[in-house]
Amino acid sequence: VVILTVLRRSAAVVDRSGRARLLTTLSMIGPPLVRPATLQALAPETLTVLLSAAVLIFVVAGKLSLGRSFGLMPANRGIISTGLYGFVRHPIYVGYLITHVAFVTANPLATNLGVLLIADAALLMRAVCEEQTLARDPTYREYLQKVRWRMVPGLF
């Protein structure tokens, strides 16, 4: 992530609004606040670990697909429509959400659930904010017609 951030392209447009800053911050600070639980997990550890590992590979593939277009704030650093972005518009976020479900399943604390619900709600709103920024570009508007789903084909 650090390498992608350092090597990223200059942005044609960046959303530096208070809303974009708040959503980005909330979606990023939630995951480091969760804690391991001593309670019984809701699913076998093997399942949650394997799911998390598989999804980590998915997230890394999404970041590699973005390449130099990676950034934290909503911005247009070039429209990416290949790789995982040919299937859904926010594959990295899909990976984060699945990992969060796996973590709460393995560490079922109310605080973990609450923190991740807030962070993930911000993440979903951040995705919409990013799309509003990118939709200023006609290439992205064409992409929206080709890749209809934000995260889950047929659902969202």
N, C-alpha and C. Protein backbone atom coordinates (compact mmCIF):
# COMPACT_ATOMS: atom_id res chain seq x y z
N VAL A 1 0.83 -1.19 0.00
CA VAL A 1 0.00 0.00 0.00
C VAL A 1 0.88 1.25 0.00
N VAL A 2 1.93 1.24 0.81
CA VAL A 2 2.82 2.39 0.86
C VAL A 2 3.47 2.62 -0.50
N ILE A 3 3.94 1.54 -1.12
CA ILE A 3 4.58 1.65 -2.44
C ILE A 3 3.59 2.19 -3.47
N LEU A 4 2.36 1.65 -3.46
CA LEU A 4 1.35 2.13 -4.41
C LEU A 4 1.03 3.60 -4.18
N THR A 5 1.00 4.00 -2.91
CA THR A 5 0.70 5.40 -2.59
C THR A 5 1.82 6.32 -3.06
N VAL A 6 3.06 5.90 -2.85
CA VAL A 6 4.21 6.72 -3.26
C VAL A 6 4.30 6.82 -4.78
N LEU A 7 4.03 5.71 -5.47
CA LEU A 7 4.19 5.67 -6.93
C LEU A 7 2.93 6.04 -7.71
N ARG A 8 1.87 6.40 -7.02
CA ARG A 8 0.60 6.65 -7.70
C ARG A 8 0.69 7.80 -8.69
N ARG A 9 -0.24 7.75 -9.64
CA ARG A 9 -0.37 8.82 -10.64
C ARG A 9 -0.89 10.09 -9.97
N SER A 10 -0.59 11.19 -10.57
CA SER A 10 -1.21 12.44 -10.13
C SER A 10 -2.69 12.37 -10.47
N ALA A 11 -3.51 12.93 -9.62
CA ALA A 11 -4.95 12.89 -9.84
C ALA A 11 -5.40 14.06 -10.70
N ALA A 12 -6.29 13.75 -11.64
CA ALA A 12 -6.92 14.80 -12.44
C ALA A 12 -7.93 15.57 -11.59
N VAL A 13 -8.63 14.84 -10.72
CA VAL A 13 -9.64 15.42 -9.83
C VAL A 13 -9.53 14.71 -8.49
N VAL A 14 -9.57 15.46 -7.39
CA VAL A 14 -9.57 14.88 -6.04
C VAL A 14 -10.72 15.49 -5.27
N ASP A 15 -11.49 14.65 -4.58
CA ASP A 15 -12.56 15.14 -3.71
C ASP A 15 -11.96 15.34 -2.32
N ARG A 16 -11.76 16.60 -1.94
CA ARG A 16 -11.20 16.92 -0.63
C ARG A 16 -12.28 17.47 0.31
N SER A 17 -13.52 17.17 0.00
CA SER A 17 -14.63 17.67 0.82
C SER A 17 -14.58 17.05 2.21
N GLY A 18 -15.25 17.70 3.14
CA GLY A 18 -15.34 17.18 4.49
C GLY A 18 -15.98 15.80 4.51
N ARG A 19 -16.98 15.61 3.68
CA ARG A 19 -17.66 14.30 3.59
C ARG A 19 -16.68 13.22 3.15
N ALA A 20 -15.91 13.48 2.10
CA ALA A 20 -14.94 12.50 1.61
C ALA A 20 -13.89 12.19 2.67
N ARG A 21 -13.41 13.22 3.35
CA ARG A 21 -12.41 13.02 4.40
C ARG A 21 -12.97 12.20 5.55
N LEU A 22 -14.20 12.51 5.97
CA LEU A 22 -14.82 11.78 7.07
C LEU A 22 -15.04 10.31 6.71
N LEU A 23 -15.60 10.06 5.54
CA LEU A 23 -15.86 8.68 5.12
C LEU A 23 -14.57 7.88 4.98
N THR A 24 -13.55 8.49 4.41
CA THR A 24 -12.27 7.81 4.26
C THR A 24 -11.68 7.49 5.63
N THR A 25 -11.71 8.46 6.53
CA THR A 25 -11.16 8.26 7.87
C THR A 25 -11.92 7.18 8.63
N LEU A 26 -13.24 7.27 8.66
CA LEU A 26 -14.04 6.27 9.38
C LEU A 26 -13.83 4.87 8.83
N SER A 27 -13.76 4.74 7.52
CA SER A 27 -13.59 3.41 6.94
C SER A 27 -12.20 2.84 7.21
N MET A 28 -11.23 3.71 7.44
CA MET A 28 -9.86 3.24 7.67
C MET A 28 -9.54 3.00 9.15
N ILE A 29 -10.15 3.77 10.06
CA ILE A 29 -9.76 3.61 11.47
C ILE A 29 -10.50 2.48 12.17
N GLY A 30 -11.60 2.02 11.60
CA GLY A 30 -12.35 0.94 12.25
C GLY A 30 -11.56 -0.35 12.40
N PRO A 31 -11.03 -0.91 11.33
CA PRO A 31 -10.35 -2.21 11.44
C PRO A 31 -9.23 -2.27 12.48
N PRO A 32 -8.39 -1.26 12.64
CA PRO A 32 -7.36 -1.37 13.68
C PRO A 32 -7.91 -1.33 15.11
N LEU A 33 -9.17 -0.95 15.27
CA LEU A 33 -9.76 -0.87 16.61
C LEU A 33 -10.37 -2.18 17.10
N VAL A 34 -10.52 -3.17 16.24
CA VAL A 34 -11.12 -4.44 16.67
C VAL A 34 -10.11 -5.23 17.49
N ARG A 35 -10.63 -6.12 18.34
CA ARG A 35 -9.80 -6.87 19.27
C ARG A 35 -10.13 -8.36 19.22
N PRO A 36 -9.13 -9.21 19.49
CA PRO A 36 -9.40 -10.65 19.59
C PRO A 36 -10.34 -10.92 20.77
N ALA A 37 -11.13 -11.95 20.64
CA ALA A 37 -12.08 -12.31 21.70
C ALA A 37 -11.66 -13.62 22.35
N THR A 38 -12.01 -13.75 23.62
CA THR A 38 -11.80 -15.03 24.30
C THR A 38 -13.07 -15.87 24.25
N LEU A 39 -14.11 -15.33 23.64
CA LEU A 39 -15.37 -16.05 23.51
C LEU A 39 -15.25 -17.14 22.44
N GLN A 40 -16.18 -18.07 22.48
CA GLN A 40 -16.25 -19.12 21.47
C GLN A 40 -16.57 -18.50 20.11
N ALA A 41 -15.80 -18.86 19.12
CA ALA A 41 -16.03 -18.37 17.76
C ALA A 41 -17.35 -18.91 17.23
N LEU A 42 -17.95 -18.21 16.30
CA LEU A 42 -19.22 -18.62 15.71
C LEU A 42 -19.04 -19.60 14.56
N ALA A 43 -17.80 -19.80 14.14
CA ALA A 43 -17.48 -20.75 13.07
C ALA A 43 -16.10 -21.33 13.37
N PRO A 44 -15.79 -22.49 12.82
CA PRO A 44 -14.47 -23.08 13.06
C PRO A 44 -13.34 -22.14 12.62
N GLU A 45 -12.29 -22.11 13.42
CA GLU A 45 -11.15 -21.23 13.13
C GLU A 45 -10.57 -21.51 11.74
N THR A 46 -10.51 -22.78 11.37
CA THR A 46 -9.97 -23.13 10.05
C THR A 46 -10.74 -22.42 8.94
N LEU A 47 -12.05 -22.39 9.07
CA LEU A 47 -12.89 -21.74 8.06
C LEU A 47 -12.61 -20.24 7.98
N THR A 48 -12.59 -19.57 9.14
CA THR A 48 -12.40 -18.12 9.12
C THR A 48 -10.99 -17.74 8.66
N VAL A 49 -10.00 -18.55 9.03
CA VAL A 49 -8.62 -18.27 8.60
C VAL A 49 -8.48 -18.49 7.09
N LEU A 50 -9.02 -19.59 6.58
CA LEU A 50 -8.93 -19.86 5.14
C LEU A 50 -9.68 -18.80 4.33
N LEU A 51 -10.85 -18.42 4.81
CA LEU A 51 -11.61 -17.37 4.13
C LEU A 51 -10.83 -16.06 4.11
N SER A 52 -10.28 -15.68 5.26
CA SER A 52 -9.51 -14.44 5.34
C SER A 52 -8.29 -14.48 4.43
N ALA A 53 -7.60 -15.62 4.39
CA ALA A 53 -6.41 -15.75 3.53
C ALA A 53 -6.79 -15.65 2.06
N ALA A 54 -7.87 -16.32 1.67
CA ALA A 54 -8.30 -16.27 0.27
C ALA A 54 -8.70 -14.86 -0.12
N VAL A 55 -9.39 -14.18 0.77
CA VAL A 55 -9.85 -12.82 0.48
C VAL A 55 -8.67 -11.85 0.47
N LEU A 56 -7.66 -12.11 1.29
CA LEU A 56 -6.46 -11.27 1.25
C LEU A 56 -5.82 -11.32 -0.14
N ILE A 57 -5.77 -12.50 -0.72
CA ILE A 57 -5.24 -12.65 -2.08
C ILE A 57 -6.10 -11.83 -3.06
N PHE A 58 -7.41 -11.87 -2.88
CA PHE A 58 -8.34 -11.11 -3.70
C PHE A 58 -8.08 -9.60 -3.58
N VAL A 59 -7.89 -9.13 -2.34
CA VAL A 59 -7.62 -7.70 -2.09
C VAL A 59 -6.31 -7.28 -2.75
N VAL A 60 -5.27 -8.11 -2.58
CA VAL A 60 -3.98 -7.80 -3.20
C VAL A 60 -4.13 -7.76 -4.73
N ALA A 61 -4.89 -8.70 -5.30
CA ALA A 61 -5.12 -8.71 -6.75
C ALA A 61 -5.83 -7.43 -7.17
N GLY A 62 -6.79 -6.97 -6.37
CA GLY A 62 -7.48 -5.72 -6.67
C GLY A 62 -6.54 -4.53 -6.65
N LYS A 63 -5.66 -4.51 -5.66
CA LYS A 63 -4.70 -3.40 -5.56
C LYS A 63 -3.70 -3.44 -6.71
N LEU A 64 -3.29 -4.65 -7.09
CA LEU A 64 -2.39 -4.76 -8.24
C LEU A 64 -3.10 -4.34 -9.53
N SER A 65 -4.40 -4.65 -9.65
CA SER A 65 -5.18 -4.21 -10.81
C SER A 65 -5.20 -2.68 -10.89
N LEU A 66 -5.33 -2.03 -9.73
CA LEU A 66 -5.34 -0.57 -9.71
C LEU A 66 -3.96 0.01 -10.03
N GLY A 67 -2.93 -0.68 -9.58
CA GLY A 67 -1.58 -0.20 -9.84
C GLY A 67 -1.38 1.23 -9.38
N ARG A 68 -0.90 2.06 -10.27
CA ARG A 68 -0.59 3.45 -9.93
C ARG A 68 -1.83 4.33 -9.77
N SER A 69 -3.01 3.76 -9.97
CA SER A 69 -4.25 4.51 -9.77
C SER A 69 -4.75 4.40 -8.34
N PHE A 70 -4.03 3.67 -7.49
CA PHE A 70 -4.42 3.49 -6.09
C PHE A 70 -4.30 4.80 -5.33
N GLY A 71 -5.25 5.04 -4.46
CA GLY A 71 -5.20 6.21 -3.58
C GLY A 71 -6.21 6.04 -2.47
N LEU A 72 -6.13 6.90 -1.47
CA LEU A 72 -7.05 6.80 -0.35
C LEU A 72 -8.26 7.71 -0.52
N MET A 73 -8.04 8.94 -0.90
CA MET A 73 -9.15 9.88 -1.09
C MET A 73 -9.80 9.63 -2.45
N PRO A 74 -11.11 9.88 -2.55
CA PRO A 74 -11.77 9.76 -3.85
C PRO A 74 -11.10 10.69 -4.87
N ALA A 75 -10.64 10.10 -5.97
CA ALA A 75 -9.91 10.88 -6.98
C ALA A 75 -9.91 10.12 -8.30
N ASN A 76 -9.66 10.86 -9.37
CA ASN A 76 -9.50 10.24 -10.68
C ASN A 76 -8.01 10.19 -11.01
N ARG A 77 -7.43 9.01 -10.82
CA ARG A 77 -6.02 8.78 -11.16
C ARG A 77 -5.92 7.87 -12.38
N GLY A 78 -6.96 7.89 -13.19
CA GLY A 78 -7.05 7.02 -14.35
C GLY A 78 -8.12 5.97 -14.11
N ILE A 79 -8.91 5.69 -15.12
CA ILE A 79 -10.01 4.74 -15.00
C ILE A 79 -9.47 3.34 -15.28
N ILE A 80 -9.70 2.44 -14.33
CA ILE A 80 -9.29 1.04 -14.46
C ILE A 80 -10.54 0.20 -14.69
N SER A 81 -10.55 -0.57 -15.76
CA SER A 81 -11.74 -1.38 -16.08
C SER A 81 -11.37 -2.83 -16.39
N THR A 82 -10.15 -3.20 -16.09
CA THR A 82 -9.69 -4.57 -16.36
C THR A 82 -9.42 -5.30 -15.05
N GLY A 83 -9.03 -6.56 -15.17
CA GLY A 83 -8.79 -7.35 -13.97
C GLY A 83 -10.08 -7.53 -13.20
N LEU A 84 -9.99 -7.48 -11.90
CA LEU A 84 -11.19 -7.63 -11.06
C LEU A 84 -12.19 -6.51 -11.31
N TYR A 85 -11.72 -5.37 -11.79
CA TYR A 85 -12.60 -4.23 -12.06
C TYR A 85 -13.48 -4.45 -13.28
N GLY A 86 -13.26 -5.51 -13.99
CA GLY A 86 -14.13 -5.88 -15.10
C GLY A 86 -15.38 -6.61 -14.63
N PHE A 87 -15.41 -7.00 -13.34
CA PHE A 87 -16.55 -7.74 -12.78
C PHE A 87 -17.39 -6.89 -11.84
N VAL A 88 -16.74 -6.19 -10.93
CA VAL A 88 -17.42 -5.28 -10.00
C VAL A 88 -16.59 -4.01 -9.90
N ARG A 89 -17.24 -2.93 -9.47
CA ARG A 89 -16.55 -1.63 -9.47
C ARG A 89 -15.68 -1.41 -8.24
N HIS A 90 -15.89 -2.19 -7.18
CA HIS A 90 -15.12 -1.99 -5.95
C HIS A 90 -14.65 -3.33 -5.37
N PRO A 91 -13.84 -4.07 -6.10
CA PRO A 91 -13.44 -5.40 -5.61
C PRO A 91 -12.63 -5.37 -4.31
N ILE A 92 -11.82 -4.36 -4.12
CA ILE A 92 -11.04 -4.28 -2.88
C ILE A 92 -11.99 -4.14 -1.69
N TYR A 93 -13.00 -3.31 -1.84
CA TYR A 93 -13.96 -3.12 -0.75
C TYR A 93 -14.74 -4.40 -0.47
N VAL A 94 -15.05 -5.17 -1.51
CA VAL A 94 -15.70 -6.47 -1.31
C VAL A 94 -14.82 -7.33 -0.41
N GLY A 95 -13.53 -7.35 -0.71
CA GLY A 95 -12.60 -8.12 0.10
C GLY A 95 -12.57 -7.66 1.54
N TYR A 96 -12.54 -6.35 1.75
CA TYR A 96 -12.55 -5.83 3.12
C TYR A 96 -13.80 -6.28 3.86
N LEU A 97 -14.95 -6.17 3.22
CA LEU A 97 -16.21 -6.54 3.88
C LEU A 97 -16.23 -8.01 4.25
N ILE A 98 -15.79 -8.88 3.36
CA ILE A 98 -15.77 -10.32 3.66
C ILE A 98 -14.80 -10.61 4.80
N THR A 99 -13.65 -9.97 4.79
CA THR A 99 -12.68 -10.16 5.87
C THR A 99 -13.26 -9.70 7.20
N HIS A 100 -14.00 -8.62 7.20
CA HIS A 100 -14.60 -8.13 8.43
C HIS A 100 -15.64 -9.10 8.97
N VAL A 101 -16.43 -9.69 8.08
CA VAL A 101 -17.40 -10.71 8.51
C VAL A 101 -16.67 -11.90 9.11
N ALA A 102 -15.60 -12.34 8.47
CA ALA A 102 -14.82 -13.47 8.99
C ALA A 102 -14.24 -13.13 10.35
N PHE A 103 -13.74 -11.91 10.52
CA PHE A 103 -13.15 -11.52 11.80
C PHE A 103 -14.19 -11.52 12.92
N VAL A 104 -15.34 -10.92 12.67
CA VAL A 104 -16.39 -10.88 13.70
C VAL A 104 -16.90 -12.28 14.01
N THR A 105 -16.95 -13.14 13.00
CA THR A 105 -17.36 -14.53 13.22
C THR A 105 -16.36 -15.24 14.13
N ALA A 106 -15.08 -14.95 13.95
CA ALA A 106 -14.04 -15.57 14.77
C ALA A 106 -13.88 -14.89 16.12
N ASN A 107 -14.25 -13.62 16.21
CA ASN A 107 -14.08 -12.82 17.43
C ASN A 107 -15.37 -12.07 17.74
N PRO A 108 -16.39 -12.82 18.19
CA PRO A 108 -17.74 -12.25 18.31
C PRO A 108 -17.94 -11.35 19.54
N LEU A 109 -17.38 -10.17 19.46
CA LEU A 109 -17.61 -9.17 20.50
C LEU A 109 -18.53 -8.09 19.94
N ALA A 110 -19.42 -7.59 20.79
CA ALA A 110 -20.33 -6.53 20.37
C ALA A 110 -19.54 -5.30 19.91
N THR A 111 -18.42 -5.01 20.58
CA THR A 111 -17.62 -3.85 20.18
C THR A 111 -17.02 -4.05 18.79
N ASN A 112 -16.56 -5.26 18.50
CA ASN A 112 -16.03 -5.53 17.16
C ASN A 112 -17.11 -5.33 16.11
N LEU A 113 -18.29 -5.87 16.39
CA LEU A 113 -19.40 -5.73 15.45
C LEU A 113 -19.76 -4.26 15.25
N GLY A 114 -19.87 -3.51 16.35
CA GLY A 114 -20.23 -2.10 16.26
C GLY A 114 -19.21 -1.28 15.49
N VAL A 115 -17.94 -1.48 15.81
CA VAL A 115 -16.87 -0.74 15.13
C VAL A 115 -16.89 -1.03 13.63
N LEU A 116 -17.00 -2.31 13.28
CA LEU A 116 -16.96 -2.66 11.85
C LEU A 116 -18.24 -2.27 11.12
N LEU A 117 -19.37 -2.27 11.80
CA LEU A 117 -20.60 -1.78 11.15
C LEU A 117 -20.46 -0.31 10.77
N ILE A 118 -19.90 0.49 11.68
CA ILE A 118 -19.69 1.91 11.39
C ILE A 118 -18.67 2.07 10.26
N ALA A 119 -17.54 1.37 10.37
CA ALA A 119 -16.49 1.47 9.35
C ALA A 119 -17.01 1.01 7.99
N ASP A 120 -17.77 -0.07 7.99
CA ASP A 120 -18.24 -0.61 6.71
C ASP A 120 -19.36 0.23 6.10
N ALA A 121 -20.20 0.84 6.94
CA ALA A 121 -21.19 1.78 6.42
C ALA A 121 -20.47 2.95 5.76
N ALA A 122 -19.41 3.44 6.41
CA ALA A 122 -18.61 4.52 5.82
C ALA A 122 -17.95 4.06 4.52
N LEU A 123 -17.50 2.81 4.49
CA LEU A 123 -16.87 2.26 3.28
C LEU A 123 -17.86 2.24 2.11
N LEU A 124 -19.09 1.82 2.37
CA LEU A 124 -20.11 1.79 1.32
C LEU A 124 -20.41 3.21 0.82
N MET A 125 -20.52 4.15 1.75
CA MET A 125 -20.76 5.54 1.34
C MET A 125 -19.54 6.12 0.62
N ARG A 126 -18.35 5.69 1.03
CA ARG A 126 -17.12 6.11 0.36
C ARG A 126 -17.11 5.64 -1.10
N ALA A 127 -17.59 4.42 -1.33
CA ALA A 127 -17.66 3.89 -2.69
C ALA A 127 -18.54 4.78 -3.56
N VAL A 128 -19.67 5.18 -3.02
CA VAL A 128 -20.58 6.07 -3.76
C VAL A 128 -19.92 7.42 -4.00
N CYS A 129 -19.23 7.93 -3.00
CA CYS A 129 -18.51 9.20 -3.11
C CYS A 129 -17.45 9.12 -4.21
N GLU A 130 -16.71 8.02 -4.25
CA GLU A 130 -15.70 7.81 -5.29
C GLU A 130 -16.34 7.81 -6.67
N GLU A 131 -17.48 7.13 -6.77
CA GLU A 131 -18.16 7.06 -8.07
C GLU A 131 -18.64 8.43 -8.52
N GLN A 132 -19.09 9.25 -7.59
CA GLN A 132 -19.53 10.60 -7.95
C GLN A 132 -18.36 11.42 -8.48
N THR A 133 -17.19 11.24 -7.87
CA THR A 133 -15.99 11.94 -8.34
C THR A 133 -15.58 11.44 -9.71
N LEU A 134 -15.54 10.12 -9.87
CA LEU A 134 -15.11 9.53 -11.14
C LEU A 134 -16.10 9.76 -12.27
N ALA A 135 -17.39 9.91 -11.94
CA ALA A 135 -18.42 10.06 -12.98
C ALA A 135 -18.30 11.37 -13.75
N ARG A 136 -17.43 12.25 -13.32
CA ARG A 136 -17.18 13.48 -14.10
C ARG A 136 -16.44 13.14 -15.40
N ASP A 137 -15.84 11.96 -15.43
CA ASP A 137 -15.05 11.51 -16.58
C ASP A 137 -15.93 10.67 -17.50
N PRO A 138 -16.03 11.02 -18.79
CA PRO A 138 -16.86 10.25 -19.71
C PRO A 138 -16.44 8.78 -19.82
N THR A 139 -15.15 8.51 -19.66
CA THR A 139 -14.68 7.12 -19.71
C THR A 139 -15.28 6.31 -18.56
N TYR A 140 -15.39 6.94 -17.38
CA TYR A 140 -15.97 6.24 -16.24
C TYR A 140 -17.47 6.04 -16.44
N ARG A 141 -18.13 7.00 -17.04
CA ARG A 141 -19.56 6.84 -17.31
C ARG A 141 -19.80 5.67 -18.26
N GLU A 142 -18.91 5.48 -19.23
CA GLU A 142 -19.00 4.31 -20.11
C GLU A 142 -18.78 3.03 -19.31
N TYR A 143 -17.81 3.06 -18.41
CA TYR A 143 -17.51 1.92 -17.55
C TYR A 143 -18.73 1.55 -16.69
N LEU A 144 -19.44 2.55 -16.18
CA LEU A 144 -20.64 2.31 -15.38
C LEU A 144 -21.69 1.53 -16.18
N GLN A 145 -21.75 1.76 -17.48
CA GLN A 145 -22.70 1.04 -18.32
C GLN A 145 -22.28 -0.41 -18.53
N LYS A 146 -20.98 -0.65 -18.55
CA LYS A 146 -20.46 -2.01 -18.78
C LYS A 146 -20.43 -2.84 -17.50
N VAL A 147 -20.02 -2.22 -16.40
CA VAL A 147 -19.92 -2.92 -15.11
C VAL A 147 -20.98 -2.31 -14.21
N ARG A 148 -22.12 -2.96 -14.15
CA ARG A 148 -23.30 -2.38 -13.50
C ARG A 148 -23.25 -2.46 -11.98
N TRP A 149 -22.51 -3.40 -11.43
CA TRP A 149 -22.60 -3.68 -10.00
C TRP A 149 -21.41 -3.13 -9.23
N ARG A 150 -21.71 -2.48 -8.12
CA ARG A 150 -20.65 -1.93 -7.28
C ARG A 150 -19.84 -3.05 -6.62
N MET A 151 -20.55 -3.99 -5.97
CA MET A 151 -19.83 -4.99 -5.18
C MET A 151 -20.31 -6.42 -5.37
N VAL A 152 -21.60 -6.61 -5.51
CA VAL A 152 -22.15 -7.96 -5.62
C VAL A 152 -23.01 -8.03 -6.88
N PRO A 153 -22.55 -8.75 -7.91
CA PRO A 153 -23.35 -8.84 -9.14
C PRO A 153 -24.78 -9.31 -8.85
N GLY A 154 -25.73 -8.57 -9.41
CA GLY A 154 -27.13 -8.90 -9.23
C GLY A 154 -27.76 -8.35 -7.97
N LEU A 155 -26.93 -7.77 -7.08
CA LEU A 155 -27.46 -7.30 -5.80
C LEU A 155 -27.14 -5.83 -5.53
N PHE A 156 -25.86 -5.47 -5.57
CA PHE A 156 -25.44 -4.10 -5.23
C PHE A 156 -24.26 -3.70 -6.07
